[in-house]
Amino acid sequence: MTRALSWEEILLLTVAVSAFLGFLLALYMTFIAHKYLDEFEAHLKRSSLVINNRKYMGDSLVGRMYRLLQISSCLSMPGFSIRKGQLDPNDALEFPEHLARKIVWPSRFILLFVLIIMLVGGYGKYFNGFKL
């Protein structure tokens, strides 16, 4: 006979699933940084963010991940990035949509999973949850 999951068990399962999916997306982003970053940067060759990051962050895996996540954040908020001078307006308009989808949506999902983990962790710490 099976029993229903308690509220705390559901929250812990949510954290476990979020952490696992976040880890898979981080692996995906690492692969994208290794394989496609040069193609992304070729489309953003006039943007100051790309020029400066390429010069200062280097070509290590950590540097490539940082550069990819910076590009992802600029493409997810192009108006803000153009106003701040990080992204060239022509580069933003000419950037292929299929390439932007490869990095913008996984970054949004990673952010969502981190928020879920933080909210559930806050429930456990500050509201005396998780009495298993």
N, C-alpha and C. Protein backbone atom coordinates (compact mmCIF):
# COMPACT_ATOMS: atom_id res chain seq x y z
N MET A 1 0.84 -1.17 0.00
CA MET A 1 0.00 0.00 0.00
C MET A 1 0.89 1.24 0.00
N THR A 2 0.60 2.17 -0.84
CA THR A 2 1.42 3.38 -0.94
C THR A 2 0.76 4.51 -0.16
N ARG A 3 1.60 5.41 0.30
CA ARG A 3 1.08 6.57 1.02
C ARG A 3 1.36 7.82 0.20
N ALA A 4 0.62 8.85 0.47
CA ALA A 4 0.81 10.12 -0.23
C ALA A 4 2.06 10.81 0.32
N LEU A 5 2.71 11.56 -0.53
CA LEU A 5 3.88 12.31 -0.09
C LEU A 5 3.45 13.49 0.76
N SER A 6 4.24 13.77 1.79
CA SER A 6 3.97 14.94 2.62
C SER A 6 4.44 16.20 1.90
N TRP A 7 4.04 17.34 2.43
CA TRP A 7 4.42 18.63 1.86
C TRP A 7 5.94 18.80 1.84
N GLU A 8 6.60 18.43 2.91
CA GLU A 8 8.05 18.55 3.00
C GLU A 8 8.75 17.64 2.00
N GLU A 9 8.23 16.43 1.81
CA GLU A 9 8.82 15.51 0.84
C GLU A 9 8.66 16.03 -0.58
N ILE A 10 7.55 16.66 -0.86
CA ILE A 10 7.34 17.25 -2.18
C ILE A 10 8.33 18.39 -2.43
N LEU A 11 8.54 19.22 -1.40
CA LEU A 11 9.50 20.31 -1.54
C LEU A 11 10.92 19.79 -1.74
N LEU A 12 11.29 18.77 -0.99
CA LEU A 12 12.63 18.19 -1.16
C LEU A 12 12.79 17.55 -2.53
N LEU A 13 11.76 16.91 -3.01
CA LEU A 13 11.80 16.33 -4.35
C LEU A 13 11.92 17.44 -5.40
N THR A 14 11.23 18.55 -5.18
CA THR A 14 11.33 19.69 -6.09
C THR A 14 12.76 20.22 -6.13
N VAL A 15 13.40 20.32 -4.98
CA VAL A 15 14.79 20.79 -4.93
C VAL A 15 15.71 19.81 -5.65
N ALA A 16 15.51 18.53 -5.42
CA ALA A 16 16.36 17.53 -6.07
C ALA A 16 16.22 17.57 -7.58
N VAL A 17 14.99 17.65 -8.07
CA VAL A 17 14.76 17.71 -9.51
C VAL A 17 15.33 19.00 -10.09
N SER A 18 15.14 20.12 -9.39
CA SER A 18 15.68 21.40 -9.86
C SER A 18 17.19 21.37 -9.92
N ALA A 19 17.82 20.81 -8.91
CA ALA A 19 19.28 20.74 -8.90
C ALA A 19 19.78 19.85 -10.04
N PHE A 20 19.12 18.73 -10.27
CA PHE A 20 19.53 17.83 -11.34
C PHE A 20 19.37 18.50 -12.71
N LEU A 21 18.22 19.12 -12.96
CA LEU A 21 18.00 19.79 -14.24
C LEU A 21 18.94 20.98 -14.42
N GLY A 22 19.21 21.71 -13.34
CA GLY A 22 20.18 22.80 -13.41
C GLY A 22 21.57 22.31 -13.75
N PHE A 23 21.95 21.17 -13.18
CA PHE A 23 23.25 20.57 -13.49
C PHE A 23 23.32 20.16 -14.96
N LEU A 24 22.25 19.56 -15.48
CA LEU A 24 22.24 19.17 -16.89
C LEU A 24 22.33 20.40 -17.81
N LEU A 25 21.63 21.46 -17.45
CA LEU A 25 21.69 22.68 -18.25
C LEU A 25 23.07 23.33 -18.17
N ALA A 26 23.73 23.24 -17.01
CA ALA A 26 25.09 23.77 -16.89
C ALA A 26 26.05 22.97 -17.78
N LEU A 27 25.86 21.66 -17.85
CA LEU A 27 26.68 20.85 -18.76
C LEU A 27 26.41 21.25 -20.21
N TYR A 28 25.14 21.47 -20.55
CA TYR A 28 24.79 21.91 -21.90
C TYR A 28 25.46 23.25 -22.23
N MET A 29 25.41 24.19 -21.30
CA MET A 29 26.02 25.49 -21.54
C MET A 29 27.54 25.38 -21.66
N THR A 30 28.14 24.45 -20.92
CA THR A 30 29.58 24.22 -21.05
C THR A 30 29.91 23.71 -22.45
N PHE A 31 29.10 22.79 -22.95
CA PHE A 31 29.28 22.29 -24.31
C PHE A 31 29.12 23.41 -25.33
N ILE A 32 28.11 24.24 -25.18
CA ILE A 32 27.87 25.35 -26.10
C ILE A 32 29.05 26.33 -26.06
N ALA A 33 29.56 26.61 -24.85
CA ALA A 33 30.69 27.52 -24.72
C ALA A 33 31.92 26.96 -25.44
N HIS A 34 32.11 25.67 -25.32
CA HIS A 34 33.28 25.04 -25.95
C HIS A 34 33.15 25.01 -27.47
N LYS A 35 31.95 24.74 -27.96
CA LYS A 35 31.78 24.49 -29.39
C LYS A 35 31.34 25.72 -30.20
N TYR A 36 30.45 26.55 -29.68
CA TYR A 36 29.81 27.60 -30.48
C TYR A 36 30.14 29.03 -30.07
N LEU A 37 30.94 29.24 -29.05
CA LEU A 37 31.17 30.61 -28.58
C LEU A 37 31.78 31.50 -29.66
N ASP A 38 32.70 30.97 -30.44
CA ASP A 38 33.33 31.78 -31.49
C ASP A 38 32.30 32.24 -32.52
N GLU A 39 31.33 31.40 -32.81
CA GLU A 39 30.27 31.78 -33.75
C GLU A 39 29.39 32.89 -33.16
N PHE A 40 29.08 32.81 -31.85
CA PHE A 40 28.30 33.86 -31.21
C PHE A 40 29.06 35.18 -31.24
N GLU A 41 30.34 35.11 -30.90
CA GLU A 41 31.14 36.34 -30.86
C GLU A 41 31.36 36.93 -32.25
N ALA A 42 31.37 36.09 -33.28
CA ALA A 42 31.52 36.61 -34.64
C ALA A 42 30.32 37.47 -35.04
N HIS A 43 29.16 37.14 -34.52
CA HIS A 43 27.96 37.93 -34.82
C HIS A 43 27.88 39.20 -33.98
N LEU A 44 28.68 39.28 -32.92
CA LEU A 44 28.66 40.45 -32.03
C LEU A 44 30.01 41.16 -32.03
N LYS A 45 30.65 41.25 -33.18
CA LYS A 45 32.02 41.75 -33.26
C LYS A 45 32.16 43.24 -32.98
N ARG A 46 31.07 44.01 -33.03
CA ARG A 46 31.14 45.44 -32.75
C ARG A 46 30.75 45.78 -31.31
N SER A 47 30.33 44.82 -30.55
CA SER A 47 29.87 45.06 -29.18
C SER A 47 31.05 45.16 -28.23
N SER A 48 31.02 46.19 -27.40
CA SER A 48 32.15 46.42 -26.48
C SER A 48 32.29 45.30 -25.46
N LEU A 49 31.18 44.71 -25.05
CA LEU A 49 31.25 43.63 -24.08
C LEU A 49 32.06 42.45 -24.62
N VAL A 50 31.80 42.08 -25.85
CA VAL A 50 32.50 40.96 -26.46
C VAL A 50 33.97 41.29 -26.66
N ILE A 51 34.25 42.50 -27.12
CA ILE A 51 35.64 42.90 -27.37
C ILE A 51 36.43 42.88 -26.07
N ASN A 52 35.89 43.45 -25.02
CA ASN A 52 36.60 43.50 -23.73
C ASN A 52 36.71 42.13 -23.08
N ASN A 53 35.63 41.36 -23.10
CA ASN A 53 35.67 40.03 -22.47
C ASN A 53 36.64 39.10 -23.17
N ARG A 54 36.70 39.18 -24.49
CA ARG A 54 37.64 38.33 -25.22
C ARG A 54 39.07 38.68 -24.85
N LYS A 55 39.32 39.98 -24.66
CA LYS A 55 40.67 40.43 -24.34
C LYS A 55 41.08 40.05 -22.91
N TYR A 56 40.16 40.18 -21.95
CA TYR A 56 40.53 40.03 -20.55
C TYR A 56 40.21 38.67 -19.95
N MET A 57 39.25 37.95 -20.48
CA MET A 57 38.85 36.68 -19.85
C MET A 57 39.62 35.48 -20.37
N GLY A 58 40.26 35.59 -21.50
CA GLY A 58 41.06 34.49 -22.01
C GLY A 58 40.23 33.40 -22.65
N ASP A 59 40.89 32.30 -22.95
CA ASP A 59 40.24 31.22 -23.69
C ASP A 59 40.14 29.93 -22.87
N SER A 60 40.28 30.03 -21.55
CA SER A 60 40.09 28.84 -20.71
C SER A 60 38.60 28.50 -20.67
N LEU A 61 38.28 27.34 -20.14
CA LEU A 61 36.87 26.94 -20.08
C LEU A 61 36.06 27.87 -19.18
N VAL A 62 36.64 28.30 -18.09
CA VAL A 62 35.95 29.24 -17.20
C VAL A 62 35.74 30.58 -17.91
N GLY A 63 36.76 31.05 -18.62
CA GLY A 63 36.64 32.29 -19.36
C GLY A 63 35.59 32.19 -20.46
N ARG A 64 35.57 31.06 -21.16
CA ARG A 64 34.58 30.87 -22.22
C ARG A 64 33.17 30.80 -21.64
N MET A 65 32.99 30.15 -20.50
CA MET A 65 31.67 30.10 -19.85
C MET A 65 31.23 31.51 -19.44
N TYR A 66 32.14 32.27 -18.86
CA TYR A 66 31.82 33.63 -18.45
C TYR A 66 31.40 34.46 -19.65
N ARG A 67 32.15 34.37 -20.74
CA ARG A 67 31.83 35.13 -21.94
C ARG A 67 30.48 34.71 -22.51
N LEU A 68 30.19 33.42 -22.51
CA LEU A 68 28.91 32.94 -23.02
C LEU A 68 27.75 33.44 -22.17
N LEU A 69 27.90 33.39 -20.86
CA LEU A 69 26.82 33.85 -19.98
C LEU A 69 26.63 35.36 -20.08
N GLN A 70 27.70 36.10 -20.32
CA GLN A 70 27.56 37.54 -20.55
C GLN A 70 26.78 37.82 -21.83
N ILE A 71 27.10 37.07 -22.89
CA ILE A 71 26.37 37.22 -24.15
C ILE A 71 24.90 36.86 -23.95
N SER A 72 24.65 35.79 -23.20
CA SER A 72 23.28 35.37 -22.94
C SER A 72 22.50 36.45 -22.20
N SER A 73 23.11 37.06 -21.20
CA SER A 73 22.40 38.10 -20.46
C SER A 73 22.15 39.33 -21.33
N CYS A 74 23.09 39.66 -22.21
CA CYS A 74 22.88 40.80 -23.11
C CYS A 74 21.77 40.52 -24.11
N LEU A 75 21.71 39.29 -24.62
CA LEU A 75 20.68 38.96 -25.59
C LEU A 75 19.30 38.81 -24.96
N SER A 76 19.25 38.48 -23.68
CA SER A 76 17.95 38.35 -23.03
C SER A 76 17.39 39.71 -22.63
N MET A 77 18.24 40.73 -22.50
CA MET A 77 17.80 42.10 -22.19
C MET A 77 18.48 43.07 -23.15
N PRO A 78 18.14 43.02 -24.44
CA PRO A 78 18.90 43.82 -25.41
C PRO A 78 18.75 45.33 -25.21
N GLY A 79 17.57 45.79 -24.85
CA GLY A 79 17.39 47.23 -24.66
C GLY A 79 18.27 47.78 -23.55
N PHE A 80 18.31 47.07 -22.44
CA PHE A 80 19.15 47.47 -21.31
C PHE A 80 20.63 47.43 -21.69
N SER A 81 21.04 46.38 -22.40
CA SER A 81 22.44 46.23 -22.78
C SER A 81 22.87 47.28 -23.78
N ILE A 82 21.97 47.68 -24.67
CA ILE A 82 22.30 48.74 -25.63
C ILE A 82 22.44 50.07 -24.91
N ARG A 83 21.52 50.36 -23.97
CA ARG A 83 21.61 51.61 -23.20
C ARG A 83 22.89 51.68 -22.38
N LYS A 84 23.34 50.55 -21.84
CA LYS A 84 24.56 50.53 -21.04
C LYS A 84 25.83 50.53 -21.90
N GLY A 85 25.68 50.38 -23.21
CA GLY A 85 26.82 50.41 -24.10
C GLY A 85 27.54 49.08 -24.25
N GLN A 86 26.95 48.03 -23.74
CA GLN A 86 27.58 46.72 -23.84
C GLN A 86 27.33 46.06 -25.18
N LEU A 87 26.18 46.34 -25.79
CA LEU A 87 25.76 45.67 -27.01
C LEU A 87 25.52 46.72 -28.09
N ASP A 88 26.07 46.47 -29.26
CA ASP A 88 25.87 47.35 -30.39
C ASP A 88 24.46 47.14 -30.95
N PRO A 89 23.72 48.21 -31.24
CA PRO A 89 22.34 48.03 -31.74
C PRO A 89 22.26 47.23 -33.04
N ASN A 90 23.22 47.44 -33.94
CA ASN A 90 23.20 46.69 -35.20
C ASN A 90 23.49 45.21 -34.96
N ASP A 91 24.40 44.93 -34.05
CA ASP A 91 24.68 43.53 -33.71
C ASP A 91 23.44 42.85 -33.14
N ALA A 92 22.73 43.56 -32.29
CA ALA A 92 21.54 42.98 -31.67
C ALA A 92 20.46 42.69 -32.71
N LEU A 93 20.30 43.57 -33.68
CA LEU A 93 19.30 43.35 -34.72
C LEU A 93 19.68 42.24 -35.68
N GLU A 94 20.97 42.12 -35.97
CA GLU A 94 21.44 41.14 -36.95
C GLU A 94 21.73 39.77 -36.35
N PHE A 95 21.65 39.64 -35.03
CA PHE A 95 21.99 38.36 -34.41
C PHE A 95 20.92 37.32 -34.76
N PRO A 96 21.33 36.15 -35.26
CA PRO A 96 20.35 35.13 -35.66
C PRO A 96 19.52 34.62 -34.47
N GLU A 97 18.23 34.54 -34.68
CA GLU A 97 17.32 34.12 -33.61
C GLU A 97 17.58 32.68 -33.17
N HIS A 98 17.91 31.80 -34.11
CA HIS A 98 18.14 30.39 -33.74
C HIS A 98 19.37 30.24 -32.85
N LEU A 99 20.35 31.11 -33.00
CA LEU A 99 21.52 31.05 -32.11
C LEU A 99 21.18 31.63 -30.73
N ALA A 100 20.38 32.68 -30.71
CA ALA A 100 19.99 33.28 -29.43
C ALA A 100 19.20 32.29 -28.59
N ARG A 101 18.32 31.51 -29.23
CA ARG A 101 17.52 30.53 -28.48
C ARG A 101 18.40 29.46 -27.84
N LYS A 102 19.55 29.17 -28.44
CA LYS A 102 20.44 28.14 -27.88
C LYS A 102 20.98 28.52 -26.51
N ILE A 103 21.10 29.83 -26.24
CA ILE A 103 21.70 30.22 -24.95
C ILE A 103 20.77 31.00 -24.05
N VAL A 104 19.79 31.72 -24.59
CA VAL A 104 18.94 32.55 -23.74
C VAL A 104 18.00 31.69 -22.91
N TRP A 105 17.30 30.75 -23.52
CA TRP A 105 16.34 29.94 -22.77
C TRP A 105 17.00 29.03 -21.74
N PRO A 106 18.09 28.35 -22.04
CA PRO A 106 18.73 27.57 -20.97
C PRO A 106 19.18 28.44 -19.80
N SER A 107 19.66 29.65 -20.07
CA SER A 107 20.06 30.54 -18.98
C SER A 107 18.86 30.94 -18.13
N ARG A 108 17.73 31.17 -18.76
CA ARG A 108 16.51 31.50 -18.00
C ARG A 108 16.07 30.33 -17.14
N PHE A 109 16.17 29.13 -17.68
CA PHE A 109 15.78 27.96 -16.88
C PHE A 109 16.73 27.73 -15.71
N ILE A 110 18.02 27.95 -15.92
CA ILE A 110 18.98 27.83 -14.82
C ILE A 110 18.62 28.83 -13.72
N LEU A 111 18.30 30.06 -14.11
CA LEU A 111 17.89 31.07 -13.13
C LEU A 111 16.63 30.64 -12.39
N LEU A 112 15.67 30.07 -13.11
CA LEU A 112 14.44 29.59 -12.48
C LEU A 112 14.74 28.48 -11.47
N PHE A 113 15.60 27.53 -11.83
CA PHE A 113 15.92 26.44 -10.92
C PHE A 113 16.66 26.94 -9.68
N VAL A 114 17.54 27.91 -9.86
CA VAL A 114 18.24 28.49 -8.70
C VAL A 114 17.24 29.20 -7.78
N LEU A 115 16.28 29.92 -8.37
CA LEU A 115 15.26 30.57 -7.55
C LEU A 115 14.41 29.57 -6.78
N ILE A 116 14.04 28.46 -7.43
CA ILE A 116 13.27 27.43 -6.74
C ILE A 116 14.05 26.87 -5.56
N ILE A 117 15.32 26.58 -5.78
CA ILE A 117 16.16 26.04 -4.70
C ILE A 117 16.28 27.05 -3.56
N MET A 118 16.44 28.33 -3.89
CA MET A 118 16.56 29.35 -2.84
C MET A 118 15.25 29.51 -2.07
N LEU A 119 14.12 29.51 -2.78
CA LEU A 119 12.84 29.67 -2.10
C LEU A 119 12.54 28.49 -1.18
N VAL A 120 12.79 27.29 -1.65
CA VAL A 120 12.54 26.11 -0.82
C VAL A 120 13.53 26.07 0.35
N GLY A 121 14.77 26.47 0.10
CA GLY A 121 15.74 26.54 1.19
C GLY A 121 15.35 27.57 2.23
N GLY A 122 14.80 28.70 1.76
CA GLY A 122 14.32 29.72 2.70
C GLY A 122 13.15 29.22 3.52
N TYR A 123 12.29 28.42 2.90
CA TYR A 123 11.18 27.82 3.64
C TYR A 123 11.72 26.94 4.76
N GLY A 124 12.74 26.16 4.45
CA GLY A 124 13.30 25.24 5.45
C GLY A 124 14.02 25.97 6.57
N LYS A 125 14.71 27.06 6.25
CA LYS A 125 15.51 27.76 7.26
C LYS A 125 14.70 28.75 8.06
N TYR A 126 13.89 29.57 7.42
CA TYR A 126 13.25 30.68 8.09
C TYR A 126 11.83 30.42 8.55
N PHE A 127 11.20 29.37 8.07
CA PHE A 127 9.83 29.08 8.47
C PHE A 127 9.71 27.74 9.18
N ASN A 128 10.83 27.23 9.68
CA ASN A 128 10.88 25.97 10.41
C ASN A 128 10.22 24.81 9.65
N GLY A 129 10.54 24.73 8.39
CA GLY A 129 10.01 23.65 7.57
C GLY A 129 10.89 22.42 7.66
N PHE A 130 10.58 21.42 6.89
CA PHE A 130 11.34 20.18 6.75
C PHE A 130 11.47 19.42 8.07
N LYS A 131 10.37 19.04 8.64
CA LYS A 131 10.40 18.19 9.83
C LYS A 131 10.08 16.76 9.38
N LEU A 132 11.08 16.11 8.80
CA LEU A 132 10.89 14.74 8.31
C LEU A 132 11.09 13.73 9.40
